[in-house]
Protein backbone atom coordinates (compact mmCIF):
# COMPACT_ATOMS: atom_id res chain seq x y z
CA MET A 1 115.25 110.49 93.06
CA THR A 2 111.58 110.75 92.41
CA GLU A 3 109.31 108.22 94.10
CA ASN A 4 107.20 105.67 92.15
CA ASP A 5 103.49 106.87 92.43
CA LYS A 6 101.99 103.96 90.48
CA THR A 7 98.94 102.15 92.12
CA THR A 8 99.95 98.77 93.41
CA THR A 9 97.95 95.52 93.31
CA SER A 10 97.57 93.01 96.05
CA THR A 11 100.25 90.55 95.03
CA THR A 12 103.46 89.33 96.57
CA SER A 13 106.54 91.54 95.80
CA THR A 14 110.09 90.46 95.43
CA GLY A 15 112.46 92.00 97.97
CA ALA A 16 115.09 94.72 96.91
CA GLY A 17 117.43 94.45 99.69
CA ALA A 18 120.72 93.10 98.61
CA GLY A 19 121.39 89.73 100.18
CA ALA A 20 118.39 89.92 102.56
CA GLY A 21 115.45 88.86 100.40
CA SER A 22 115.41 85.05 100.71
CA SER A 23 115.87 84.99 104.54
CA ALA A 24 113.38 88.05 104.93
CA THR A 25 110.76 86.24 102.90
CA SER A 26 111.24 82.94 104.40
CA ARG A 27 110.95 84.30 108.01
CA ARG A 28 107.88 86.42 107.13
CA ALA A 29 106.47 83.46 105.46
CA PHE A 30 106.79 81.46 108.66
CA LEU A 31 105.27 84.27 110.83
CA LEU A 32 102.31 84.66 108.58
CA ALA A 33 101.70 80.87 108.02
CA ALA A 34 101.75 80.42 111.71
CA GLY A 35 98.07 81.37 111.94
CA SER A 36 96.16 84.08 113.72
CA ALA A 37 96.31 82.32 117.18
CA GLY A 38 99.79 81.12 117.18
CA ALA A 39 101.61 84.05 115.58
CA ALA A 40 99.57 86.68 117.39
CA ALA A 41 100.09 85.00 120.76
CA VAL A 42 103.86 84.74 120.30
CA LEU A 43 104.33 88.33 119.07
CA SER A 44 101.71 90.23 120.90
CA THR A 45 104.27 91.28 123.43
CA ALA A 46 106.61 92.63 120.75
CA CYS A 47 103.61 94.56 119.20
CA ALA A 48 102.93 96.36 122.45
CA GLY A 49 106.49 96.43 123.58
CA PRO A 50 108.10 99.12 125.61
CA SER A 51 109.71 102.07 123.89
CA GLY A 52 113.04 100.87 124.82
CA THR A 53 112.83 97.84 122.43
CA GLN A 54 116.30 97.16 121.06
CA SER A 55 117.42 97.58 117.43
CA ALA A 56 118.66 94.81 115.15
CA ALA A 57 122.15 95.52 116.39
CA GLY A 58 121.09 95.11 120.08
CA GLN A 59 121.41 98.69 120.94
CA PRO A 60 118.60 100.59 122.60
CA SER A 61 117.17 103.70 120.60
CA ALA A 62 118.09 107.00 121.56
CA THR A 63 115.65 109.38 123.00
CA PRO A 64 114.76 112.08 120.52
CA PRO A 65 114.70 115.78 121.36
CA PRO A 66 111.59 117.44 123.02
CA PRO A 67 108.72 118.09 120.58
CA PRO A 68 107.40 121.67 119.87
CA THR A 69 104.24 122.84 121.86
CA PRO A 70 101.26 120.86 120.36
CA ALA A 71 98.79 122.84 118.25
CA PRO A 72 95.58 123.68 120.02
CA PRO A 73 92.52 121.59 119.67
CA GLY A 74 90.46 122.32 116.45
CA ALA A 75 93.53 123.72 114.59
CA GLY A 76 92.92 121.40 111.51
CA THR A 77 94.18 118.07 112.87
CA PRO A 78 91.97 115.45 110.97
CA THR A 79 90.03 112.57 112.46
CA ALA A 80 90.99 109.01 111.31
CA PRO A 81 88.48 107.20 109.18
CA ALA A 82 86.84 104.45 111.14
CA CYS A 83 86.72 101.92 108.38
CA VAL A 84 87.73 102.63 104.90
CA LEU A 85 89.91 101.01 102.44
CA ALA A 86 93.32 102.43 102.38
CA VAL A 87 94.19 104.27 99.09
CA GLN A 88 96.92 102.15 97.40
CA ALA A 89 100.16 103.70 96.47
CA GLY A 90 103.63 102.66 95.17
CA ALA A 91 106.45 101.47 97.46
CA GLY A 92 108.76 104.05 96.19
CA PRO A 93 112.58 103.45 95.28
CA TYR A 94 113.71 103.19 98.81
CA TYR A 95 111.75 99.99 99.91
CA LEU A 96 113.98 97.17 101.27
CA ASP A 97 112.66 93.68 101.97
CA LEU A 98 114.28 93.20 105.40
CA ASP A 99 113.74 90.92 108.37
CA LEU A 100 113.21 93.40 111.18
CA VAL A 101 110.50 92.31 113.48
CA ARG A 102 110.46 95.17 116.10
CA SER A 103 108.33 97.85 117.52
CA ASP A 104 110.87 100.67 118.15
CA ILE A 105 112.42 101.47 114.71
CA THR A 106 114.15 104.77 115.60
CA GLN A 107 117.52 103.19 115.97
CA GLY A 108 119.22 106.38 117.47
CA ARG A 109 117.72 108.91 114.84
CA GLY A 110 116.67 112.23 116.38
CA GLY A 111 113.33 113.75 115.89
CA VAL A 112 109.95 114.41 117.42
CA PRO A 113 108.74 111.11 118.86
CA LEU A 114 105.71 109.49 117.16
CA GLN A 115 103.87 106.41 118.34
CA LEU A 116 101.69 104.67 115.41
CA ASP A 117 98.87 102.61 116.95
CA LEU A 118 97.62 100.64 114.02
CA THR A 119 94.63 98.42 113.62
CA VAL A 120 94.15 96.15 110.45
CA VAL A 121 90.67 95.23 109.34
CA ARG A 122 88.87 93.38 106.55
CA VAL A 123 86.46 95.90 105.11
CA PRO A 124 84.43 93.36 102.93
CA ASP A 125 83.90 91.38 106.17
CA GLY A 126 82.20 94.01 108.15
CA CYS A 127 85.59 95.60 109.12
CA ARG A 128 86.62 92.54 110.99
CA PRO A 129 90.03 92.77 112.76
CA LEU A 130 92.72 90.82 111.12
CA ALA A 131 94.97 88.90 113.29
CA ALA A 132 98.59 87.55 112.40
CA ALA A 133 98.93 90.14 109.54
CA GLY A 134 102.37 91.47 108.92
CA VAL A 135 102.54 95.26 108.99
CA GLU A 136 105.76 96.82 107.69
CA VAL A 137 106.72 100.52 107.71
CA TRP A 138 109.64 102.58 106.49
CA HIS A 139 110.29 106.29 106.09
CA ALA A 140 112.82 109.08 105.86
CA ASP A 141 114.65 110.67 108.96
CA ALA A 142 114.60 114.25 109.93
CA ALA A 143 117.13 115.16 107.28
CA GLY A 144 115.10 113.48 104.59
CA HIS A 145 117.35 110.42 104.28
CA TYR A 146 116.35 106.79 103.95
CA SER A 147 118.44 104.02 105.30
CA THR A 148 120.32 102.10 102.56
CA GLY A 149 122.98 99.48 102.33
CA LYS A 150 123.67 98.04 105.83
CA ASP A 151 121.73 100.81 107.66
CA THR A 152 118.29 99.84 108.78
CA PHE A 153 116.99 102.94 110.77
CA LEU A 154 113.31 103.80 110.48
CA ARG A 155 112.43 100.39 109.17
CA GLY A 156 110.48 97.60 110.86
CA THR A 157 107.66 95.08 110.83
CA GLN A 158 105.04 94.02 113.36
CA ILE A 159 102.44 91.11 113.48
CA THR A 160 99.07 92.13 114.60
CA ASP A 161 97.58 90.58 117.61
CA HIS A 162 94.11 88.92 118.18
CA ALA A 163 92.52 92.42 117.86
CA GLY A 164 94.34 93.28 114.59
CA GLN A 165 96.47 95.70 116.39
CA CYS A 166 100.22 96.69 116.46
CA VAL A 167 102.32 99.44 117.76
CA PHE A 168 105.33 101.36 116.01
CA ARG A 169 107.56 103.83 117.86
CA THR A 170 109.32 106.10 115.54
CA ILE A 171 109.83 109.96 114.78
CA VAL A 172 108.02 112.43 112.52
CA PRO A 173 109.88 112.20 109.02
CA GLY A 174 111.45 115.10 107.42
CA TRP A 175 110.79 116.27 103.80
CA TYR A 176 112.50 115.59 100.63
CA ALA A 177 112.32 115.78 96.74
CA GLY A 178 109.56 118.16 96.78
CA LEU A 179 107.05 115.49 98.11
CA ALA A 180 104.66 115.68 101.10
CA PRO A 181 106.18 114.19 104.12
CA HIS A 182 104.97 110.52 104.54
CA ILE A 183 105.29 106.98 106.08
CA HIS A 184 105.28 104.16 103.78
CA PHE A 185 103.51 100.90 104.95
CA LYS A 186 102.70 97.48 103.69
CA VAL A 187 100.15 95.01 105.16
CA ARG A 188 100.47 91.30 104.27
CA PRO A 189 97.50 89.30 105.49
CA ASP A 190 99.13 86.05 104.24
CA THR A 191 102.24 85.05 102.09
CA ARG A 192 100.67 85.79 98.77
CA THR A 193 98.89 89.20 98.99
CA GLU A 194 99.90 92.64 100.13
CA THR A 195 98.50 96.25 100.30
CA THR A 196 100.92 99.19 99.92
CA SER A 197 100.18 102.67 100.74
CA GLN A 198 101.43 105.78 102.89
CA PHE A 199 100.34 107.95 105.72
CA PHE A 200 100.50 111.77 105.40
CA PHE A 201 100.67 114.52 108.34
CA PRO A 202 98.54 117.58 109.06
CA GLU A 203 100.38 120.58 107.33
CA ASN A 204 99.84 122.95 110.39
CA LEU A 205 101.73 120.47 112.69
CA LEU A 206 104.46 119.89 110.26
CA THR A 207 105.19 123.55 109.91
CA GLN A 208 105.40 123.86 113.47
CA ILE A 209 107.55 120.64 114.17
CA TYR A 210 110.00 121.71 111.38
CA THR A 211 110.99 125.03 113.37
CA HIS A 212 112.66 122.72 115.83
CA GLN A 213 115.94 120.75 115.77
CA PRO A 214 117.00 118.54 114.13
CA TYR A 215 114.52 119.52 111.28
CA ALA A 216 115.57 123.20 111.54
CA ARG A 217 119.12 122.49 110.27
CA ARG A 218 117.45 122.84 106.81
CA THR A 219 115.20 125.61 105.52
CA PRO A 220 111.69 123.82 105.44
CA PRO A 221 109.26 124.38 102.57
CA GLU A 222 106.58 126.87 103.29
CA HIS A 223 103.84 124.30 102.38
CA PRO A 224 105.28 120.92 102.72
CA ASN A 225 102.03 119.06 101.71
CA GLN A 226 100.62 121.02 98.79
CA ARG A 227 103.24 120.51 96.41
CA ASP A 228 102.51 116.83 96.06
CA SER A 229 99.56 115.58 93.96
CA ARG A 230 99.36 112.39 95.90
CA TYR A 231 98.75 114.10 99.07
CA ARG A 232 95.82 116.21 97.39
CA ALA A 233 94.41 112.90 96.08
CA ALA A 234 94.60 110.77 99.25
CA ALA A 235 94.90 113.19 102.12
CA GLN A 236 91.23 112.97 103.32
CA THR A 237 91.61 109.28 103.86
CA MET A 238 95.39 108.85 104.66
CA THR A 239 96.41 111.75 106.93
CA LEU A 240 97.23 110.62 110.51
CA PRO A 241 95.35 112.22 113.24
CA LEU A 242 98.08 113.55 115.60
CA THR A 243 97.50 114.14 119.26
CA PRO A 244 100.02 115.12 121.90
CA HIS A 245 101.50 111.95 123.73
CA ALA A 246 104.37 111.94 126.22
CA ASN A 247 107.03 114.27 124.67
CA GLY A 248 105.81 113.73 121.13
CA TYR A 249 102.60 112.68 119.20
CA ARG A 250 100.55 109.55 118.87
CA ALA A 251 98.34 108.57 115.96
CA ALA A 252 95.75 105.72 116.05
CA TYR A 253 94.56 104.69 112.72
CA THR A 254 92.50 101.81 111.26
CA ILE A 255 93.92 100.33 107.99
CA GLY A 256 91.28 98.85 105.79
CA ILE A 257 92.17 96.22 103.32
CA THR A 258 90.15 93.81 101.00
């Protein structure tokens, strides 16, 4: 299946998850409507929770295998833009509107660990940090598969704290369908608007990571990014700056919205 690459607008979307739309929407509406002080205070601990945060089924996420040796400094790893608008993109065919407020989204999926430290800012307001915004991420596992049906791995939502920040603990995604490996995300500053986009990865690190298990169960593409026109169009803005962290990688990124 080929992903939808149409540019999105900042409007409320209707959930695609069977049987999950109304409850997810109502809970998200409650969280966003609670206000920046209340919602951020209640959920700030979840936003910065430990890596052992439990999954929706109440089971702690498994520890992924050790990562490859990090690339040396200056080997093409980008620097995150300080305050620019996110390049909007389509949500793709695998988006599910679920109610999964959690920091650790691995849910037992193996792969090189990745910590996403995200900050949401309002670019027109002088890059003011945005509290109590819903940030949702979803992506493929090491084999290039998305969770569907009753599965919920590698999907989750966080609410930004008073500094506009939240944390996700996940894995580096695998490749599929001839597209550059990516992580989808949505930012909902309120119950009426949203910004949808995706993160990419430095190709030199991907080719190194994909020589290790569980990614190496398949023959990786020689150039996992360059095949994708969306990567070529948005990579300068939307590529994550990966740095070694614990037994994996960390990326700190500022998401600019209008």
